[in-house]
Protein backbone atom coordinates (compact mmCIF):
# COMPACT_ATOMS: atom_id res chain seq x y z
CA UNK A 1 -21.61 -93.21 135.86
CA UNK A 2 -19.94 -93.59 132.48
CA UNK A 3 -18.68 -90.51 130.65
CA UNK A 4 -20.87 -89.51 127.71
CA UNK A 5 -17.77 -89.41 125.50
CA UNK A 6 -15.89 -92.49 126.68
CA UNK A 7 -17.16 -94.70 123.87
CA UNK A 8 -15.50 -92.63 121.19
CA UNK A 9 -12.33 -92.08 123.20
CA UNK A 10 -12.59 -88.47 122.15
CA UNK A 11 -13.26 -86.56 125.36
CA UNK A 12 -10.16 -84.41 124.86
CA UNK A 13 -10.82 -83.61 121.20
CA UNK A 14 -12.91 -80.42 120.87
CA UNK A 15 -13.89 -81.26 117.29
CA UNK A 16 -15.18 -84.77 118.07
CA UNK A 17 -18.84 -85.31 117.22
CA UNK A 18 -19.95 -86.48 120.66
CA UNK A 19 -22.41 -84.92 123.12
CA UNK A 20 -19.86 -83.43 125.54
CA UNK A 21 -17.78 -81.67 122.89
CA UNK A 22 -20.96 -80.45 121.15
CA UNK A 23 -22.15 -78.96 124.46
CA UNK A 24 -18.77 -77.25 124.93
CA UNK A 25 -18.62 -75.93 121.35
CA UNK A 26 -22.20 -74.60 121.38
CA UNK A 27 -22.49 -73.64 125.07
CA UNK A 28 -25.88 -75.36 125.12
CA UNK A 29 -27.24 -78.40 126.90
CA UNK A 30 -27.58 -81.55 124.80
CA UNK A 31 -30.70 -83.64 125.40
CA UNK A 32 -30.73 -87.24 124.17
CA UNK A 33 -34.14 -88.79 124.78
CA UNK A 34 -33.57 -92.43 123.86
CA UNK A 35 -31.16 -94.96 122.43
CA UNK A 36 -32.76 -94.34 119.02
CA UNK A 37 -32.21 -90.60 119.33
CA UNK A 38 -28.57 -91.23 120.29
CA UNK A 39 -28.09 -93.63 117.34
CA UNK A 40 -29.55 -91.08 114.90
CA UNK A 41 -27.59 -88.08 116.15
CA UNK A 42 -24.36 -89.87 117.07
CA UNK A 43 -24.22 -93.06 114.96
CA UNK A 44 -20.61 -93.74 115.99
CA UNK A 45 -21.50 -93.56 119.71
CA UNK A 46 -21.43 -97.01 121.32
CA UNK A 47 -24.68 -98.41 122.68
CA UNK A 48 -25.04 -97.99 126.43
CA UNK A 49 -27.28 -100.67 127.98
CA UNK A 50 -27.31 -98.79 131.30
CA UNK A 51 -28.57 -95.38 130.11
CA UNK A 52 -31.33 -94.79 127.57
CA UNK A 53 -31.43 -90.99 127.89
CA UNK A 54 -28.78 -88.37 128.64
CA UNK A 55 -28.48 -84.68 129.40
CA UNK A 56 -25.07 -83.11 128.91
CA UNK A 57 -24.74 -79.60 130.36
CA UNK A 58 -21.77 -77.30 129.70
CA UNK A 59 -20.16 -75.70 132.75
CA UNK A 60 -20.02 -72.02 131.86
CA UNK A 61 -16.90 -70.42 133.32
CA UNK A 62 -15.55 -66.88 133.02
CA UNK A 63 -12.63 -68.07 130.89
CA UNK A 64 -14.82 -70.26 128.68
CA UNK A 65 -16.49 -73.64 128.80
CA UNK A 66 -14.06 -76.49 129.42
CA UNK A 67 -16.17 -79.09 131.17
CA UNK A 68 -19.61 -80.66 131.22
CA UNK A 69 -21.85 -82.41 133.69
CA UNK A 70 -23.67 -85.44 132.26
CA UNK A 71 -26.78 -87.09 133.67
CA UNK A 72 -27.88 -90.54 132.51
CA UNK A 73 -31.38 -91.99 132.80
CA UNK A 74 -32.15 -95.71 132.75
CA UNK A 75 -35.37 -95.25 130.74
CA UNK A 76 -36.14 -93.18 127.62
CA UNK A 77 -37.38 -89.75 128.57
CA UNK A 78 -38.99 -86.80 126.83
CA UNK A 79 -37.50 -83.46 127.81
CA UNK A 80 -39.56 -80.26 127.77
CA UNK A 81 -38.50 -76.74 126.84
CA UNK A 82 -38.35 -76.05 130.58
CA UNK A 83 -35.67 -78.66 131.07
């Protein structure tokens, strides 16, 4: 699976405006429901023909968040508050 931040080449930059760094900065999961949602929220993010929807979850560690787990979905998907 492709890294959610690979398109911008910014995975190591905590100020980059990409889903993984946003999840780390905010300590909240990022839900991207479709390619249109991704284009609106992250216009500089390259199109990904393999994944229409993403979830990017920060890994909460005692010393602070430094990593994420990203899940990609082939089709657009609506996420609920329970997700």
